[in-house]
Amino acid sequence: NGEAPLIKSAHYRPSRQSRFYQRFQ
C-alpha cells in the first residue's frame, strides 16, 4: 500500500484444542 506492505502485523490466537495439545506436550 504505497511503499509499505499492506499487512503490517500478524497475531495468532490458538483455539482451546491447540492450547491443550501444546500445554500437554
mmCIF file of all heavy atoms, coordinates in Angstrom:
data_MODEL
# 
_entry.id   MODEL 
# 
loop_
_atom_site.group_PDB 
_atom_site.id 
_atom_site.type_symbol 
_atom_site.label_atom_id 
_atom_site.label_alt_id 
_atom_site.label_comp_id 
_atom_site.label_asym_id 
_atom_site.label_entity_id 
_atom_site.label_seq_id 
_atom_site.pdbx_PDB_ins_code 
_atom_site.Cartn_x 
_atom_site.Cartn_y 
_atom_site.Cartn_z 
_atom_site.occupancy 
_atom_site.B_iso_or_equiv 
_atom_site.pdbx_formal_charge 
_atom_site.auth_seq_id 
_atom_site.auth_comp_id 
_atom_site.auth_asym_id 
_atom_site.auth_atom_id 
_atom_site.pdbx_PDB_model_num 
ATOM 1   N N   . ASN A 1 1  ? 0.885   -1.163  0.000  1.00 0.00 ? 1  ASN A N   1 
ATOM 2   C CA  . ASN A 1 1  ? 0.000   0.000   0.000  1.00 0.00 ? 1  ASN A CA  1 
ATOM 3   C C   . ASN A 1 1  ? 0.926   1.216   0.000  1.00 0.00 ? 1  ASN A C   1 
ATOM 4   O O   . ASN A 1 1  ? 1.412   1.623   1.042  1.00 0.00 ? 1  ASN A O   1 
ATOM 5   C CB  . ASN A 1 1  ? -0.907  -0.006  1.235  1.00 0.00 ? 1  ASN A CB  1 
ATOM 6   C CG  . ASN A 1 1  ? -1.942  1.097   1.178  1.00 0.00 ? 1  ASN A CG  1 
ATOM 7   O OD1 . ASN A 1 1  ? -2.246  1.620   0.109  1.00 0.00 ? 1  ASN A OD1 1 
ATOM 8   N ND2 . ASN A 1 1  ? -2.476  1.473   2.333  1.00 0.00 ? 1  ASN A ND2 1 
ATOM 9   N N   . GLY A 1 2  ? 1.179   1.740   -1.188 1.00 0.00 ? 2  GLY A N   1 
ATOM 10  C CA  . GLY A 1 2  ? 2.224   2.749   -1.303 1.00 0.00 ? 2  GLY A CA  1 
ATOM 11  C C   . GLY A 1 2  ? 3.574   2.057   -1.226 1.00 0.00 ? 2  GLY A C   1 
ATOM 12  O O   . GLY A 1 2  ? 3.851   1.110   -1.959 1.00 0.00 ? 2  GLY A O   1 
ATOM 13  N N   . GLU A 1 3  ? 4.416   2.506   -0.323 1.00 0.00 ? 3  GLU A N   1 
ATOM 14  C CA  . GLU A 1 3  ? 5.736   1.904   -0.165 1.00 0.00 ? 3  GLU A CA  1 
ATOM 15  C C   . GLU A 1 3  ? 5.772   0.819   0.914  1.00 0.00 ? 3  GLU A C   1 
ATOM 16  O O   . GLU A 1 3  ? 6.740   0.069   1.014  1.00 0.00 ? 3  GLU A O   1 
ATOM 17  C CB  . GLU A 1 3  ? 6.765   2.999   0.198  1.00 0.00 ? 3  GLU A CB  1 
ATOM 18  C CG  . GLU A 1 3  ? 6.947   4.062   -0.878 1.00 0.00 ? 3  GLU A CG  1 
ATOM 19  C CD  . GLU A 1 3  ? 7.456   3.462   -2.182 1.00 0.00 ? 3  GLU A CD  1 
ATOM 20  O OE1 . GLU A 1 3  ? 8.356   2.608   -2.114 1.00 0.00 ? 3  GLU A OE1 1 
ATOM 21  O OE2 . GLU A 1 3  ? 6.952   3.849   -3.254 1.00 0.00 ? 3  GLU A OE2 1 
ATOM 22  N N   . ALA A 1 4  ? 4.714   0.748   1.727  1.00 0.00 ? 4  ALA A N   1 
ATOM 23  C CA  . ALA A 1 4  ? 4.701   -0.188  2.862  1.00 0.00 ? 4  ALA A CA  1 
ATOM 24  C C   . ALA A 1 4  ? 3.908   -1.444  2.521  1.00 0.00 ? 4  ALA A C   1 
ATOM 25  O O   . ALA A 1 4  ? 2.984   -1.408  1.700  1.00 0.00 ? 4  ALA A O   1 
ATOM 26  C CB  . ALA A 1 4  ? 4.104   0.492   4.085  1.00 0.00 ? 4  ALA A CB  1 
ATOM 27  N N   . PRO A 1 5  ? 4.226   -2.572  3.159  1.00 0.00 ? 5  PRO A N   1 
ATOM 28  C CA  . PRO A 1 5  ? 3.409   -3.777  2.981  1.00 0.00 ? 5  PRO A CA  1 
ATOM 29  C C   . PRO A 1 5  ? 1.967   -3.514  3.425  1.00 0.00 ? 5  PRO A C   1 
ATOM 30  O O   . PRO A 1 5  ? 1.738   -2.807  4.408  1.00 0.00 ? 5  PRO A O   1 
ATOM 31  C CB  . PRO A 1 5  ? 4.097   -4.802  3.886  1.00 0.00 ? 5  PRO A CB  1 
ATOM 32  C CG  . PRO A 1 5  ? 5.493   -4.313  4.048  1.00 0.00 ? 5  PRO A CG  1 
ATOM 33  C CD  . PRO A 1 5  ? 5.404   -2.820  4.021  1.00 0.00 ? 5  PRO A CD  1 
ATOM 34  N N   . LEU A 1 6  ? 1.019   -4.084  2.700  1.00 0.00 ? 6  LEU A N   1 
ATOM 35  C CA  . LEU A 1 6  ? -0.387  -3.886  3.050  1.00 0.00 ? 6  LEU A CA  1 
ATOM 36  C C   . LEU A 1 6  ? -0.696  -4.485  4.420  1.00 0.00 ? 6  LEU A C   1 
ATOM 37  O O   . LEU A 1 6  ? -1.469  -3.919  5.196  1.00 0.00 ? 6  LEU A O   1 
ATOM 38  C CB  . LEU A 1 6  ? -1.287  -4.511  1.985  1.00 0.00 ? 6  LEU A CB  1 
ATOM 39  C CG  . LEU A 1 6  ? -2.790  -4.441  2.227  1.00 0.00 ? 6  LEU A CG  1 
ATOM 40  C CD1 . LEU A 1 6  ? -3.260  -3.002  2.406  1.00 0.00 ? 6  LEU A CD1 1 
ATOM 41  C CD2 . LEU A 1 6  ? -3.549  -5.109  1.088  1.00 0.00 ? 6  LEU A CD2 1 
ATOM 42  N N   . ILE A 1 7  ? -0.095  -5.637  4.730  1.00 0.00 ? 7  ILE A N   1 
ATOM 43  C CA  . ILE A 1 7  ? -0.269  -6.242  6.058  1.00 0.00 ? 7  ILE A CA  1 
ATOM 44  C C   . ILE A 1 7  ? 0.941   -5.861  6.901  1.00 0.00 ? 7  ILE A C   1 
ATOM 45  O O   . ILE A 1 7  ? 2.078   -6.169  6.550  1.00 0.00 ? 7  ILE A O   1 
ATOM 46  C CB  . ILE A 1 7  ? -0.411  -7.767  5.959  1.00 0.00 ? 7  ILE A CB  1 
ATOM 47  C CG1 . ILE A 1 7  ? -1.772  -8.120  5.336  1.00 0.00 ? 7  ILE A CG1 1 
ATOM 48  C CG2 . ILE A 1 7  ? -0.290  -8.413  7.340  1.00 0.00 ? 7  ILE A CG2 1 
ATOM 49  C CD1 . ILE A 1 7  ? -2.018  -9.599  5.187  1.00 0.00 ? 7  ILE A CD1 1 
ATOM 50  N N   . LYS A 1 8  ? 0.675   -5.194  8.027  1.00 0.00 ? 8  LYS A N   1 
ATOM 51  C CA  . LYS A 1 8  ? 1.798   -4.714  8.834  1.00 0.00 ? 8  LYS A CA  1 
ATOM 52  C C   . LYS A 1 8  ? 2.081   -5.575  10.061 1.00 0.00 ? 8  LYS A C   1 
ATOM 53  O O   . LYS A 1 8  ? 3.151   -5.464  10.658 1.00 0.00 ? 8  LYS A O   1 
ATOM 54  C CB  . LYS A 1 8  ? 1.589   -3.262  9.256  1.00 0.00 ? 8  LYS A CB  1 
ATOM 55  C CG  . LYS A 1 8  ? 0.431   -3.005  10.214 1.00 0.00 ? 8  LYS A CG  1 
ATOM 56  C CD  . LYS A 1 8  ? 0.376   -1.519  10.543 1.00 0.00 ? 8  LYS A CD  1 
ATOM 57  C CE  . LYS A 1 8  ? -0.746  -1.174  11.494 1.00 0.00 ? 8  LYS A CE  1 
ATOM 58  N NZ  . LYS A 1 8  ? -0.801  0.266   11.801 1.00 0.00 ? 8  LYS A NZ  1 
ATOM 59  N N   . SER A 1 9  ? 1.143   -6.415  10.461 1.00 0.00 ? 9  SER A N   1 
ATOM 60  C CA  . SER A 1 9  ? 1.399   -7.288  11.607 1.00 0.00 ? 9  SER A CA  1 
ATOM 61  C C   . SER A 1 9  ? 0.458   -8.481  11.572 1.00 0.00 ? 9  SER A C   1 
ATOM 62  O O   . SER A 1 9  ? -0.605  -8.428  10.940 1.00 0.00 ? 9  SER A O   1 
ATOM 63  C CB  . SER A 1 9  ? 1.232   -6.529  12.932 1.00 0.00 ? 9  SER A CB  1 
ATOM 64  O OG  . SER A 1 9  ? -0.124  -6.155  13.130 1.00 0.00 ? 9  SER A OG  1 
ATOM 65  N N   . ALA A 1 10 ? 0.887   -9.564  12.229 1.00 0.00 ? 10 ALA A N   1 
ATOM 66  C CA  . ALA A 1 10 ? 0.062   -10.775 12.321 1.00 0.00 ? 10 ALA A CA  1 
ATOM 67  C C   . ALA A 1 10 ? 0.024   -11.228 13.768 1.00 0.00 ? 10 ALA A C   1 
ATOM 68  O O   . ALA A 1 10 ? 1.028   -11.143 14.480 1.00 0.00 ? 10 ALA A O   1 
ATOM 69  C CB  . ALA A 1 10 ? 0.630   -11.884 11.434 1.00 0.00 ? 10 ALA A CB  1 
ATOM 70  N N   . HIS A 1 11 ? -1.153  -11.675 14.215 1.00 0.00 ? 11 HIS A N   1 
ATOM 71  C CA  . HIS A 1 11 ? -1.309  -12.137 15.592 1.00 0.00 ? 11 HIS A CA  1 
ATOM 72  C C   . HIS A 1 11 ? -2.041  -13.473 15.577 1.00 0.00 ? 11 HIS A C   1 
ATOM 73  O O   . HIS A 1 11 ? -3.060  -13.642 14.901 1.00 0.00 ? 11 HIS A O   1 
ATOM 74  C CB  . HIS A 1 11 ? -2.110  -11.120 16.421 1.00 0.00 ? 11 HIS A CB  1 
ATOM 75  C CG  . HIS A 1 11 ? -2.400  -11.574 17.809 1.00 0.00 ? 11 HIS A CG  1 
ATOM 76  N ND1 . HIS A 1 11 ? -1.431  -11.665 18.787 1.00 0.00 ? 11 HIS A ND1 1 
ATOM 77  C CD2 . HIS A 1 11 ? -3.563  -11.974 18.389 1.00 0.00 ? 11 HIS A CD2 1 
ATOM 78  C CE1 . HIS A 1 11 ? -1.988  -12.098 19.908 1.00 0.00 ? 11 HIS A CE1 1 
ATOM 79  N NE2 . HIS A 1 11 ? -3.273  -12.294 19.693 1.00 0.00 ? 11 HIS A NE2 1 
ATOM 80  N N   . TYR A 1 12 ? -1.509  -14.429 16.329 1.00 0.00 ? 12 TYR A N   1 
ATOM 81  C CA  . TYR A 1 12 ? -2.065  -15.785 16.393 1.00 0.00 ? 12 TYR A CA  1 
ATOM 82  C C   . TYR A 1 12 ? -2.834  -15.982 17.689 1.00 0.00 ? 12 TYR A C   1 
ATOM 83  O O   . TYR A 1 12 ? -2.337  -15.703 18.775 1.00 0.00 ? 12 TYR A O   1 
ATOM 84  C CB  . TYR A 1 12 ? -0.912  -16.798 16.317 1.00 0.00 ? 12 TYR A CB  1 
ATOM 85  C CG  . TYR A 1 12 ? -1.294  -18.238 16.575 1.00 0.00 ? 12 TYR A CG  1 
ATOM 86  C CD1 . TYR A 1 12 ? -2.199  -18.906 15.763 1.00 0.00 ? 12 TYR A CD1 1 
ATOM 87  C CD2 . TYR A 1 12 ? -0.691  -18.939 17.628 1.00 0.00 ? 12 TYR A CD2 1 
ATOM 88  C CE1 . TYR A 1 12 ? -2.516  -20.241 15.993 1.00 0.00 ? 12 TYR A CE1 1 
ATOM 89  C CE2 . TYR A 1 12 ? -1.001  -20.276 17.863 1.00 0.00 ? 12 TYR A CE2 1 
ATOM 90  C CZ  . TYR A 1 12 ? -1.925  -20.918 17.050 1.00 0.00 ? 12 TYR A CZ  1 
ATOM 91  O OH  . TYR A 1 12 ? -2.241  -22.235 17.280 1.00 0.00 ? 12 TYR A OH  1 
ATOM 92  N N   . ARG A 1 13 ? -4.079  -16.449 17.564 1.00 0.00 ? 13 ARG A N   1 
ATOM 93  C CA  . ARG A 1 13 ? -4.904  -16.760 18.736 1.00 0.00 ? 13 ARG A CA  1 
ATOM 94  C C   . ARG A 1 13 ? -5.277  -18.247 18.664 1.00 0.00 ? 13 ARG A C   1 
ATOM 95  O O   . ARG A 1 13 ? -6.157  -18.622 17.880 1.00 0.00 ? 13 ARG A O   1 
ATOM 96  C CB  . ARG A 1 13 ? -6.163  -15.889 18.766 1.00 0.00 ? 13 ARG A CB  1 
ATOM 97  C CG  . ARG A 1 13 ? -6.999  -16.053 20.045 1.00 0.00 ? 13 ARG A CG  1 
ATOM 98  C CD  . ARG A 1 13 ? -8.282  -15.251 19.961 1.00 0.00 ? 13 ARG A CD  1 
ATOM 99  N NE  . ARG A 1 13 ? -8.044  -13.831 19.985 1.00 0.00 ? 13 ARG A NE  1 
ATOM 100 C CZ  . ARG A 1 13 ? -7.990  -13.080 21.076 1.00 0.00 ? 13 ARG A CZ  1 
ATOM 101 N NH1 . ARG A 1 13 ? -8.171  -13.643 22.252 1.00 0.00 ? 13 ARG A NH1 1 
ATOM 102 N NH2 . ARG A 1 13 ? -7.786  -11.784 20.988 1.00 0.00 ? 13 ARG A NH2 1 
ATOM 103 N N   . PRO A 1 14 ? -4.579  -19.102 19.441 1.00 0.00 ? 14 PRO A N   1 
ATOM 104 C CA  . PRO A 1 14 ? -4.840  -20.539 19.347 1.00 0.00 ? 14 PRO A CA  1 
ATOM 105 C C   . PRO A 1 14 ? -6.223  -20.910 19.880 1.00 0.00 ? 14 PRO A C   1 
ATOM 106 O O   . PRO A 1 14 ? -6.742  -20.268 20.804 1.00 0.00 ? 14 PRO A O   1 
ATOM 107 C CB  . PRO A 1 14 ? -3.738  -21.152 20.209 1.00 0.00 ? 14 PRO A CB  1 
ATOM 108 C CG  . PRO A 1 14 ? -3.368  -20.075 21.185 1.00 0.00 ? 14 PRO A CG  1 
ATOM 109 C CD  . PRO A 1 14 ? -3.547  -18.787 20.447 1.00 0.00 ? 14 PRO A CD  1 
ATOM 110 N N   . SER A 1 15 ? -6.795  -21.931 19.306 1.00 0.00 ? 15 SER A N   1 
ATOM 111 C CA  . SER A 1 15 ? -8.067  -22.456 19.795 1.00 0.00 ? 15 SER A CA  1 
ATOM 112 C C   . SER A 1 15 ? -7.847  -23.172 21.112 1.00 0.00 ? 15 SER A C   1 
ATOM 113 O O   . SER A 1 15 ? -6.715  -23.448 21.520 1.00 0.00 ? 15 SER A O   1 
ATOM 114 C CB  . SER A 1 15 ? -8.662  -23.430 18.777 1.00 0.00 ? 15 SER A CB  1 
ATOM 115 O OG  . SER A 1 15 ? -7.831  -24.579 18.685 1.00 0.00 ? 15 SER A OG  1 
ATOM 116 N N   . ARG A 1 16 ? -8.929  -23.521 21.778 1.00 0.00 ? 16 ARG A N   1 
ATOM 117 C CA  . ARG A 1 16 ? -8.832  -24.287 23.016 1.00 0.00 ? 16 ARG A CA  1 
ATOM 118 C C   . ARG A 1 16 ? -8.135  -25.630 22.751 1.00 0.00 ? 16 ARG A C   1 
ATOM 119 O O   . ARG A 1 16 ? -7.335  -26.102 23.560 1.00 0.00 ? 16 ARG A O   1 
ATOM 120 C CB  . ARG A 1 16 ? -10.236 -24.510 23.588 1.00 0.00 ? 16 ARG A CB  1 
ATOM 121 C CG  . ARG A 1 16 ? -10.283 -25.342 24.846 1.00 0.00 ? 16 ARG A CG  1 
ATOM 122 C CD  . ARG A 1 16 ? -9.603  -24.639 26.009 1.00 0.00 ? 16 ARG A CD  1 
ATOM 123 N NE  . ARG A 1 16 ? -10.326 -23.454 26.439 1.00 0.00 ? 16 ARG A NE  1 
ATOM 124 C CZ  . ARG A 1 16 ? -9.905  -22.635 27.390 1.00 0.00 ? 16 ARG A CZ  1 
ATOM 125 N NH1 . ARG A 1 16 ? -8.750  -22.883 28.002 1.00 0.00 ? 16 ARG A NH1 1 
ATOM 126 N NH2 . ARG A 1 16 ? -10.596 -21.578 27.734 1.00 0.00 ? 16 ARG A NH2 1 
ATOM 127 N N   . GLN A 1 17 ? -8.415  -26.234 21.618 1.00 0.00 ? 17 GLN A N   1 
ATOM 128 C CA  . GLN A 1 17 ? -7.780  -27.502 21.264 1.00 0.00 ? 17 GLN A CA  1 
ATOM 129 C C   . GLN A 1 17 ? -6.271  -27.328 21.120 1.00 0.00 ? 17 GLN A C   1 
ATOM 130 O O   . GLN A 1 17 ? -5.487  -28.118 21.665 1.00 0.00 ? 17 GLN A O   1 
ATOM 131 C CB  . GLN A 1 17 ? -8.358  -28.027 19.957 1.00 0.00 ? 17 GLN A CB  1 
ATOM 132 C CG  . GLN A 1 17 ? -7.770  -29.357 19.513 1.00 0.00 ? 17 GLN A CG  1 
ATOM 133 C CD  . GLN A 1 17 ? -8.262  -29.762 18.138 1.00 0.00 ? 17 GLN A CD  1 
ATOM 134 O OE1 . GLN A 1 17 ? -8.073  -29.036 17.161 1.00 0.00 ? 17 GLN A OE1 1 
ATOM 135 N NE2 . GLN A 1 17 ? -8.935  -30.897 18.060 1.00 0.00 ? 17 GLN A NE2 1 
ATOM 136 N N   . SER A 1 18 ? -5.846  -26.299 20.388 1.00 0.00 ? 18 SER A N   1 
ATOM 137 C CA  . SER A 1 18 ? -4.413  -26.076 20.188 1.00 0.00 ? 18 SER A CA  1 
ATOM 138 C C   . SER A 1 18 ? -3.716  -25.779 21.511 1.00 0.00 ? 18 SER A C   1 
ATOM 139 O O   . SER A 1 18 ? -2.600  -26.263 21.762 1.00 0.00 ? 18 SER A O   1 
ATOM 140 C CB  . SER A 1 18 ? -4.195  -24.924 19.209 1.00 0.00 ? 18 SER A CB  1 
ATOM 141 O OG  . SER A 1 18 ? -4.649  -25.267 17.915 1.00 0.00 ? 18 SER A OG  1 
ATOM 142 N N   . ARG A 1 19 ? -4.381  -25.013 22.368 1.00 0.00 ? 19 ARG A N   1 
ATOM 143 C CA  . ARG A 1 19 ? -3.766  -24.685 23.658 1.00 0.00 ? 19 ARG A CA  1 
ATOM 144 C C   . ARG A 1 19 ? -3.591  -25.952 24.496 1.00 0.00 ? 19 ARG A C   1 
ATOM 145 O O   . ARG A 1 19 ? -2.562  -26.142 25.146 1.00 0.00 ? 19 ARG A O   1 
ATOM 146 C CB  . ARG A 1 19 ? -4.619  -23.656 24.413 1.00 0.00 ? 19 ARG A CB  1 
ATOM 147 C CG  . ARG A 1 19 ? -4.583  -22.267 23.793 1.00 0.00 ? 19 ARG A CG  1 
ATOM 148 C CD  . ARG A 1 19 ? -5.101  -21.205 24.763 1.00 0.00 ? 19 ARG A CD  1 
ATOM 149 N NE  . ARG A 1 19 ? -6.491  -21.396 25.119 1.00 0.00 ? 19 ARG A NE  1 
ATOM 150 C CZ  . ARG A 1 19 ? -7.518  -20.921 24.411 1.00 0.00 ? 19 ARG A CZ  1 
ATOM 151 N NH1 . ARG A 1 19 ? -7.286  -20.244 23.285 1.00 0.00 ? 19 ARG A NH1 1 
ATOM 152 N NH2 . ARG A 1 19 ? -8.754  -21.102 24.795 1.00 0.00 ? 19 ARG A NH2 1 
ATOM 153 N N   . PHE A 1 20 ? -4.594  -26.831 24.492 1.00 0.00 ? 20 PHE A N   1 
ATOM 154 C CA  . PHE A 1 20 ? -4.485  -28.065 25.271 1.00 0.00 ? 20 PHE A CA  1 
ATOM 155 C C   . PHE A 1 20 ? -3.370  -28.960 24.734 1.00 0.00 ? 20 PHE A C   1 
ATOM 156 O O   . PHE A 1 20 ? -2.550  -29.485 25.502 1.00 0.00 ? 20 PHE A O   1 
ATOM 157 C CB  . PHE A 1 20 ? -5.819  -28.818 25.264 1.00 0.00 ? 20 PHE A CB  1 
ATOM 158 C CG  . PHE A 1 20 ? -5.702  -30.220 25.793 1.00 0.00 ? 20 PHE A CG  1 
ATOM 159 C CD1 . PHE A 1 20 ? -5.412  -30.447 27.135 1.00 0.00 ? 20 PHE A CD1 1 
ATOM 160 C CD2 . PHE A 1 20 ? -5.843  -31.324 24.949 1.00 0.00 ? 20 PHE A CD2 1 
ATOM 161 C CE1 . PHE A 1 20 ? -5.275  -31.735 27.636 1.00 0.00 ? 20 PHE A CE1 1 
ATOM 162 C CE2 . PHE A 1 20 ? -5.706  -32.609 25.433 1.00 0.00 ? 20 PHE A CE2 1 
ATOM 163 C CZ  . PHE A 1 20 ? -5.417  -32.812 26.778 1.00 0.00 ? 20 PHE A CZ  1 
ATOM 164 N N   . TYR A 1 21 ? -3.346  -29.165 23.420 1.00 0.00 ? 21 TYR A N   1 
ATOM 165 C CA  . TYR A 1 21 ? -2.313  -30.021 22.834 1.00 0.00 ? 21 TYR A CA  1 
ATOM 166 C C   . TYR A 1 21 ? -0.914  -29.497 23.141 1.00 0.00 ? 21 TYR A C   1 
ATOM 167 O O   . TYR A 1 21 ? -0.009  -30.262 23.499 1.00 0.00 ? 21 TYR A O   1 
ATOM 168 C CB  . TYR A 1 21 ? -2.498  -30.112 21.317 1.00 0.00 ? 21 TYR A CB  1 
ATOM 169 C CG  . TYR A 1 21 ? -3.638  -30.989 20.872 1.00 0.00 ? 21 TYR A CG  1 
ATOM 170 C CD1 . TYR A 1 21 ? -4.032  -31.027 19.539 1.00 0.00 ? 21 TYR A CD1 1 
ATOM 171 C CD2 . TYR A 1 21 ? -4.350  -31.773 21.784 1.00 0.00 ? 21 TYR A CD2 1 
ATOM 172 C CE1 . TYR A 1 21 ? -5.089  -31.830 19.118 1.00 0.00 ? 21 TYR A CE1 1 
ATOM 173 C CE2 . TYR A 1 21 ? -5.399  -32.572 21.374 1.00 0.00 ? 21 TYR A CE2 1 
ATOM 174 C CZ  . TYR A 1 21 ? -5.772  -32.595 20.046 1.00 0.00 ? 21 TYR A CZ  1 
ATOM 175 O OH  . TYR A 1 21 ? -6.816  -33.392 19.635 1.00 0.00 ? 21 TYR A OH  1 
ATOM 176 N N   . GLN A 1 22 ? -0.736  -28.181 23.009 1.00 0.00 ? 22 GLN A N   1 
ATOM 177 C CA  . GLN A 1 22 ? 0.590   -27.611 23.248 1.00 0.00 ? 22 GLN A CA  1 
ATOM 178 C C   . GLN A 1 22 ? 0.965   -27.678 24.728 1.00 0.00 ? 22 GLN A C   1 
ATOM 179 O O   . GLN A 1 22 ? 2.113   -27.952 25.077 1.00 0.00 ? 22 GLN A O   1 
ATOM 180 C CB  . GLN A 1 22 ? 0.641   -26.169 22.740 1.00 0.00 ? 22 GLN A CB  1 
ATOM 181 C CG  . GLN A 1 22 ? 0.596   -26.073 21.223 1.00 0.00 ? 22 GLN A CG  1 
ATOM 182 C CD  . GLN A 1 22 ? 0.756   -24.653 20.727 1.00 0.00 ? 22 GLN A CD  1 
ATOM 183 O OE1 . GLN A 1 22 ? 1.268   -23.791 21.432 1.00 0.00 ? 22 GLN A OE1 1 
ATOM 184 N NE2 . GLN A 1 22 ? 0.333   -24.403 19.496 1.00 0.00 ? 22 GLN A NE2 1 
ATOM 185 N N   . ARG A 1 23 ? 0.007   -27.429 25.597 1.00 0.00 ? 23 ARG A N   1 
ATOM 186 C CA  . ARG A 1 23 ? 0.304   -27.492 27.033 1.00 0.00 ? 23 ARG A CA  1 
ATOM 187 C C   . ARG A 1 23 ? 0.640   -28.941 27.441 1.00 0.00 ? 23 ARG A C   1 
ATOM 188 O O   . ARG A 1 23 ? 1.545   -29.162 28.254 1.00 0.00 ? 23 ARG A O   1 
ATOM 189 C CB  . ARG A 1 23 ? -0.877  -26.968 27.854 1.00 0.00 ? 23 ARG A CB  1 
ATOM 190 C CG  . ARG A 1 23 ? -0.504  -26.717 29.317 1.00 0.00 ? 23 ARG A CG  1 
ATOM 191 C CD  . ARG A 1 23 ? -1.719  -26.318 30.115 1.00 0.00 ? 23 ARG A CD  1 
ATOM 192 N NE  . ARG A 1 23 ? -2.149  -24.962 29.880 1.00 0.00 ? 23 ARG A NE  1 
ATOM 193 C CZ  . ARG A 1 23 ? -1.620  -23.890 30.482 1.00 0.00 ? 23 ARG A CZ  1 
ATOM 194 N NH1 . ARG A 1 23 ? -0.618  -24.029 31.335 1.00 0.00 ? 23 ARG A NH1 1 
ATOM 195 N NH2 . ARG A 1 23 ? -2.081  -22.696 30.238 1.00 0.00 ? 23 ARG A NH2 1 
ATOM 196 N N   . PHE A 1 24 ? -0.076  -29.900 26.840 1.00 0.00 ? 24 PHE A N   1 
ATOM 197 C CA  . PHE A 1 24 ? 0.214   -31.305 27.148 1.00 0.00 ? 24 PHE A CA  1 
ATOM 198 C C   . PHE A 1 24 ? 1.637   -31.663 26.711 1.00 0.00 ? 24 PHE A C   1 
ATOM 199 O O   . PHE A 1 24 ? 2.365   -32.354 27.428 1.00 0.00 ? 24 PHE A O   1 
ATOM 200 C CB  . PHE A 1 24 ? -0.806  -32.213 26.449 1.00 0.00 ? 24 PHE A CB  1 
ATOM 201 C CG  . PHE A 1 24 ? -0.574  -33.680 26.678 1.00 0.00 ? 24 PHE A CG  1 
ATOM 202 C CD1 . PHE A 1 24 ? -0.972  -34.292 27.858 1.00 0.00 ? 24 PHE A CD1 1 
ATOM 203 C CD2 . PHE A 1 24 ? 0.077   -34.451 25.707 1.00 0.00 ? 24 PHE A CD2 1 
ATOM 204 C CE1 . PHE A 1 24 ? -0.737  -35.651 28.075 1.00 0.00 ? 24 PHE A CE1 1 
ATOM 205 C CE2 . PHE A 1 24 ? 0.315   -35.807 25.924 1.00 0.00 ? 24 PHE A CE2 1 
ATOM 206 C CZ  . PHE A 1 24 ? -0.096  -36.413 27.108 1.00 0.00 ? 24 PHE A CZ  1 
ATOM 207 N N   . GLN A 1 25 ? 2.043   -31.201 25.544 1.00 0.00 ? 25 GLN A N   1 
ATOM 208 C CA  . GLN A 1 25 ? 3.384   -31.501 25.049 1.00 0.00 ? 25 GLN A CA  1 
ATOM 209 C C   . GLN A 1 25 ? 4.471   -30.843 25.888 1.00 0.00 ? 25 GLN A C   1 
ATOM 210 O O   . GLN A 1 25 ? 5.612   -31.320 25.917 1.00 0.00 ? 25 GLN A O   1 
ATOM 211 C CB  . GLN A 1 25 ? 3.515   -31.068 23.588 1.00 0.00 ? 25 GLN A CB  1 
ATOM 212 C CG  . GLN A 1 25 ? 2.672   -31.916 22.626 1.00 0.00 ? 25 GLN A CG  1 
ATOM 213 C CD  . GLN A 1 25 ? 2.570   -31.319 21.239 1.00 0.00 ? 25 GLN A CD  1 
ATOM 214 O OE1 . GLN A 1 25 ? 3.115   -30.251 20.976 1.00 0.00 ? 25 GLN A OE1 1 
ATOM 215 N NE2 . GLN A 1 25 ? 1.873   -32.005 20.348 1.00 0.00 ? 25 GLN A NE2 1 
# 
